[in-house]
Amino acid sequence: MTTDTVASSSLLKNVTRYEDAKDAAKKTSEDMGKQDFLTLFTAQLQNQNPLEPVKNEAFVAQLAQFSQLEALTNMQTSLDTFVTSMSGERMLNSASLIGKKVAITDALTPLAQGGKIDASIDLPEGAAGVQVNVTDAKGNLVKEIVAGPQLPGGMSLQWDGTNTAGQMATPGLYQLSAQAVINGKTATVPVNTLATVKAITTNPTDGSVSVEVDGGKTLLLKDVKRVGI
């Protein structure tokens, strides 16, 4: 009996318990992959105590866990592939916007020779009055446009391209900013103008698509609220 005990102790001296191996794996990596799980599972079978082998119920339970992990891994791979393909499709569909005009907020907008700039202002609560300032790319005031009371909703306006002296402004980039009197208080309100789309870009990290317009401004495709010709 003594000899058997010594032999058993010698046999088990280099055996690593499954729980110890699992804890060690957690210390080196917080996320266990399919291969890590399989490695631990194989090590457990190879080094199990011959006097206390793994019970059938525990063996089946671990196999089920491995199957679930493999299914989740395959699902993640499929989702990654789907997201990548959708990103490419969005990029291709968005290319049709190049050359068209989209509404942008508080940005430099090009004025062509003898041209005009159309804009709009959202006034959900209406306004007692609105003042629009037109400035050039250097911030110099070119013209002031004053409008009377406005009903709740969208306000459309147009700058005819002339300066305060009634002369045509030099072609270039201009910005329209506005202030409105709302509920007795003066507040700055965003002005939406139309700019031509020059390029489409995609972010390889999250697959988001952006549009680049005149003046170098870039905005996400999901933020485009209006498209014109």
Protein backbone atom coordinates (compact mmCIF):
# COMPACT_ATOMS: atom_id res chain seq x y z
CA MET A 1 0.00 0.00 0.00
CA THR A 2 2.89 2.34 0.87
CA THR A 3 4.55 1.64 -2.46
CA ASP A 4 1.30 2.43 -4.35
CA THR A 5 0.93 5.68 -2.48
CA VAL A 6 4.48 6.76 -3.29
CA ALA A 7 4.05 5.82 -6.94
CA SER A 8 0.84 7.76 -7.18
CA SER A 9 2.44 10.80 -5.55
CA SER A 10 5.38 10.60 -7.96
CA LEU A 11 3.01 10.28 -10.90
CA LEU A 12 0.98 13.34 -9.89
CA LYS A 13 3.86 15.60 -8.85
CA ASN A 14 4.08 17.41 -12.21
CA VAL A 15 0.35 17.48 -12.90
CA THR A 16 -1.19 20.97 -13.24
CA ARG A 17 -4.74 21.37 -11.98
CA TYR A 18 -7.24 22.67 -14.54
CA GLU A 19 -8.29 25.48 -12.19
CA ASP A 20 -4.66 26.64 -11.80
CA ALA A 21 -4.10 26.64 -15.56
CA LYS A 22 -7.33 28.57 -16.08
CA ASP A 23 -6.34 31.19 -13.50
CA ALA A 24 -2.94 31.60 -15.15
CA ALA A 25 -4.59 32.14 -18.49
CA LYS A 26 -6.80 34.85 -17.01
CA LYS A 27 -3.75 36.68 -15.70
CA THR A 28 -2.08 36.82 -19.12
CA SER A 29 -5.19 37.75 -21.07
CA GLU A 30 -8.62 38.98 -20.09
CA ASP A 31 -10.26 37.61 -23.23
CA MET A 32 -10.18 33.88 -23.93
CA GLY A 33 -10.33 32.86 -27.53
CA LYS A 34 -11.44 29.59 -29.04
CA GLN A 35 -7.87 28.32 -29.31
CA ASP A 36 -7.13 29.21 -25.67
CA PHE A 37 -10.17 27.30 -24.51
CA LEU A 38 -9.20 24.29 -26.61
CA THR A 39 -5.64 24.38 -25.23
CA LEU A 40 -6.87 24.41 -21.64
CA PHE A 41 -9.39 21.69 -22.36
CA THR A 42 -6.72 19.46 -23.93
CA ALA A 43 -4.30 20.11 -21.07
CA GLN A 44 -6.98 19.11 -18.58
CA LEU A 45 -7.55 15.78 -20.33
CA GLN A 46 -3.84 15.06 -20.61
CA ASN A 47 -3.04 15.93 -17.00
CA GLN A 48 -6.15 14.81 -15.17
CA ASN A 49 -5.73 12.87 -11.97
CA PRO A 50 -5.98 9.17 -12.91
CA LEU A 51 -7.42 8.50 -9.47
CA GLU A 52 -10.11 11.17 -9.97
CA PRO A 53 -10.84 11.46 -13.71
CA VAL A 54 -13.16 14.10 -15.08
CA LYS A 55 -16.77 13.12 -14.60
CA ASN A 56 -18.90 12.57 -17.71
CA GLU A 57 -21.22 15.43 -16.76
CA ALA A 58 -18.34 17.90 -16.47
CA PHE A 59 -16.82 16.63 -19.72
CA VAL A 60 -20.08 17.12 -21.63
CA ALA A 61 -20.60 20.56 -20.07
CA GLN A 62 -17.16 21.70 -21.20
CA LEU A 63 -17.76 20.39 -24.69
CA ALA A 64 -21.00 22.39 -24.79
CA GLN A 65 -19.15 25.51 -23.67
CA PHE A 66 -16.56 24.99 -26.37
CA SER A 67 -19.30 24.61 -29.00
CA GLN A 68 -20.94 27.83 -27.84
CA LEU A 69 -17.62 29.67 -27.93
CA GLU A 70 -16.91 28.42 -31.44
CA ALA A 71 -20.39 29.48 -32.61
CA LEU A 72 -19.91 32.98 -31.14
CA THR A 73 -16.49 33.28 -32.78
CA ASN A 74 -17.91 32.30 -36.17
CA MET A 75 -20.79 34.74 -35.69
CA GLN A 76 -18.35 37.57 -34.90
CA THR A 77 -16.35 36.76 -38.03
CA SER A 78 -19.51 36.82 -40.14
CA LEU A 79 -20.58 40.15 -38.63
CA ASP A 80 -17.16 41.69 -39.29
CA THR A 81 -17.35 40.55 -42.91
CA PHE A 82 -20.87 41.95 -43.24
CA VAL A 83 -19.86 45.33 -41.78
CA THR A 84 -16.90 45.53 -44.16
CA SER A 85 -19.06 44.78 -47.20
CA MET A 86 -21.70 47.29 -46.08
CA SER A 87 -19.03 49.96 -45.68
CA GLY A 88 -17.89 49.40 -49.25
CA GLU A 89 -21.47 49.52 -50.49
CA ARG A 90 -22.15 52.80 -48.66
CA MET A 91 -18.97 54.23 -50.15
CA LEU A 92 -20.06 53.23 -53.66
CA ASN A 93 -23.59 54.59 -53.24
CA SER A 94 -22.33 57.84 -51.75
CA ALA A 95 -20.11 58.46 -54.78
CA SER A 96 -23.27 59.54 -56.62
CA LEU A 97 -23.30 62.68 -54.42
CA ILE A 98 -20.11 64.03 -56.00
CA GLY A 99 -20.99 67.16 -57.95
CA LYS A 100 -24.29 67.63 -56.13
CA LYS A 101 -25.03 70.16 -53.42
CA VAL A 102 -25.71 69.33 -49.78
CA ALA A 103 -26.82 71.56 -46.93
CA ILE A 104 -24.06 72.44 -44.45
CA THR A 105 -24.22 74.54 -41.30
CA ASP A 106 -22.19 77.69 -40.57
CA ALA A 107 -19.55 77.02 -43.22
CA LEU A 108 -17.76 78.92 -45.95
CA THR A 109 -19.78 78.82 -49.18
CA PRO A 110 -18.46 79.70 -52.65
CA LEU A 111 -19.88 82.69 -54.55
CA ALA A 112 -19.48 82.48 -58.32
CA GLN A 113 -19.11 85.47 -60.63
CA GLY A 114 -22.50 87.20 -60.68
CA GLY A 115 -23.93 84.36 -58.58
CA LYS A 116 -26.10 84.13 -55.48
CA ILE A 117 -26.11 82.07 -52.29
CA ASP A 118 -29.30 80.39 -51.06
CA ALA A 119 -29.65 79.61 -47.36
CA SER A 120 -32.17 78.57 -44.74
CA ILE A 121 -32.58 78.97 -40.99
CA ASP A 122 -34.51 76.66 -38.68
CA LEU A 123 -36.73 78.59 -36.27
CA PRO A 124 -38.84 76.07 -34.32
CA GLU A 125 -40.27 78.82 -32.11
CA GLY A 126 -40.36 81.56 -34.73
CA ALA A 127 -38.64 84.92 -34.23
CA ALA A 128 -39.52 88.58 -33.77
CA GLY A 129 -36.69 89.50 -36.15
CA VAL A 130 -33.61 88.06 -37.84
CA GLN A 131 -30.32 89.64 -38.88
CA VAL A 132 -27.92 87.82 -41.23
CA ASN A 133 -24.30 88.93 -41.56
CA VAL A 134 -22.30 88.04 -44.67
CA THR A 135 -18.54 87.93 -44.14
CA ASP A 136 -15.68 87.01 -46.44
CA ALA A 137 -13.06 84.31 -45.78
CA LYS A 138 -11.04 86.80 -43.68
CA GLY A 139 -14.01 87.68 -41.47
CA ASN A 140 -14.66 91.10 -42.99
CA LEU A 141 -18.31 92.17 -42.99
CA VAL A 142 -19.65 92.37 -46.54
CA LYS A 143 -23.37 92.90 -46.02
CA GLU A 144 -26.17 92.78 -43.46
CA ILE A 145 -29.58 91.31 -44.29
CA VAL A 146 -32.43 92.15 -41.93
CA ALA A 147 -35.75 90.30 -41.91
CA GLY A 148 -38.91 90.94 -39.90
CA PRO A 149 -41.01 88.55 -37.78
CA GLN A 150 -40.85 84.88 -38.76
CA LEU A 151 -43.37 82.11 -38.12
CA PRO A 152 -42.19 78.84 -36.51
CA GLY A 153 -40.50 76.59 -39.05
CA GLY A 154 -37.88 77.09 -41.72
CA MET A 155 -36.92 80.51 -43.04
CA SER A 156 -35.53 80.71 -46.58
CA LEU A 157 -33.25 83.56 -47.60
CA GLN A 158 -30.94 84.52 -50.44
CA TRP A 159 -27.89 86.71 -50.66
CA ASP A 160 -27.80 88.31 -54.09
CA GLY A 161 -24.01 88.61 -54.06
CA THR A 162 -23.86 92.39 -53.54
CA ASN A 163 -22.05 94.28 -50.78
CA THR A 164 -23.29 97.16 -48.62
CA ALA A 165 -22.58 99.57 -51.51
CA GLY A 166 -24.76 97.58 -53.88
CA GLN A 167 -21.78 96.35 -55.91
CA MET A 168 -21.15 92.71 -56.82
CA ALA A 169 -18.82 91.07 -54.36
CA THR A 170 -15.62 89.41 -55.53
CA PRO A 171 -16.06 85.69 -56.28
CA GLY A 172 -14.76 83.56 -53.43
CA LEU A 173 -15.76 81.96 -50.14
CA TYR A 174 -18.27 83.67 -47.85
CA GLN A 175 -19.99 82.76 -44.61
CA LEU A 176 -23.51 83.61 -43.48
CA SER A 177 -24.19 83.90 -39.74
CA ALA A 178 -27.44 84.95 -38.10
CA GLN A 179 -28.95 86.24 -34.90
CA ALA A 180 -32.64 86.08 -34.08
CA VAL A 181 -34.84 87.59 -31.39
CA ILE A 182 -36.62 84.59 -29.85
CA ASN A 183 -38.96 85.01 -26.88
CA GLY A 184 -37.55 88.47 -26.25
CA LYS A 185 -33.91 87.33 -26.24
CA THR A 186 -31.26 87.63 -28.94
CA ALA A 187 -29.67 84.30 -29.82
CA THR A 188 -27.28 83.02 -32.46
CA VAL A 189 -28.98 80.58 -34.83
CA PRO A 190 -27.28 78.26 -37.34
CA VAL A 191 -27.49 79.05 -41.06
CA ASN A 192 -27.66 76.24 -43.60
CA THR A 193 -26.17 76.82 -47.05
CA LEU A 194 -25.66 74.55 -50.05
CA ALA A 195 -22.14 73.47 -50.99
CA THR A 196 -20.93 71.19 -53.78
CA VAL A 197 -19.62 67.76 -52.82
CA LYS A 198 -16.02 67.31 -53.97
CA ALA A 199 -15.07 63.91 -52.53
CA ILE A 200 -16.28 60.96 -50.47
CA THR A 201 -14.11 59.32 -47.80
CA THR A 202 -14.59 56.34 -45.50
CA ASN A 203 -13.16 55.70 -42.05
CA PRO A 204 -11.51 52.25 -41.96
CA THR A 205 -11.95 52.09 -38.18
CA ASP A 206 -15.73 52.30 -37.91
CA GLY A 207 -16.77 52.30 -41.58
CA SER A 208 -18.38 55.75 -41.37
CA VAL A 209 -18.68 57.73 -44.62
CA SER A 210 -17.90 61.46 -44.86
CA VAL A 211 -18.46 64.02 -47.60
CA GLU A 212 -16.01 66.81 -48.41
CA VAL A 213 -17.50 70.03 -49.81
CA ASP A 214 -16.31 73.38 -51.12
CA GLY A 215 -14.11 75.22 -48.66
CA GLY A 216 -12.60 71.99 -47.30
CA LYS A 217 -15.35 71.33 -44.76
CA THR A 218 -16.09 67.66 -44.04
CA LEU A 219 -19.22 66.23 -42.48
CA LEU A 220 -20.55 62.75 -41.85
CA LEU A 221 -22.99 61.37 -44.38
CA LYS A 222 -25.52 60.73 -41.60
CA ASP A 223 -25.52 64.49 -40.84
CA VAL A 224 -26.57 65.43 -44.40
CA LYS A 225 -30.18 66.60 -44.19
CA ARG A 226 -30.68 68.00 -47.69
CA VAL A 227 -29.32 67.25 -51.15
CA GLY A 228 -29.82 69.55 -54.17
CA ILE A 229 -28.65 69.90 -57.75
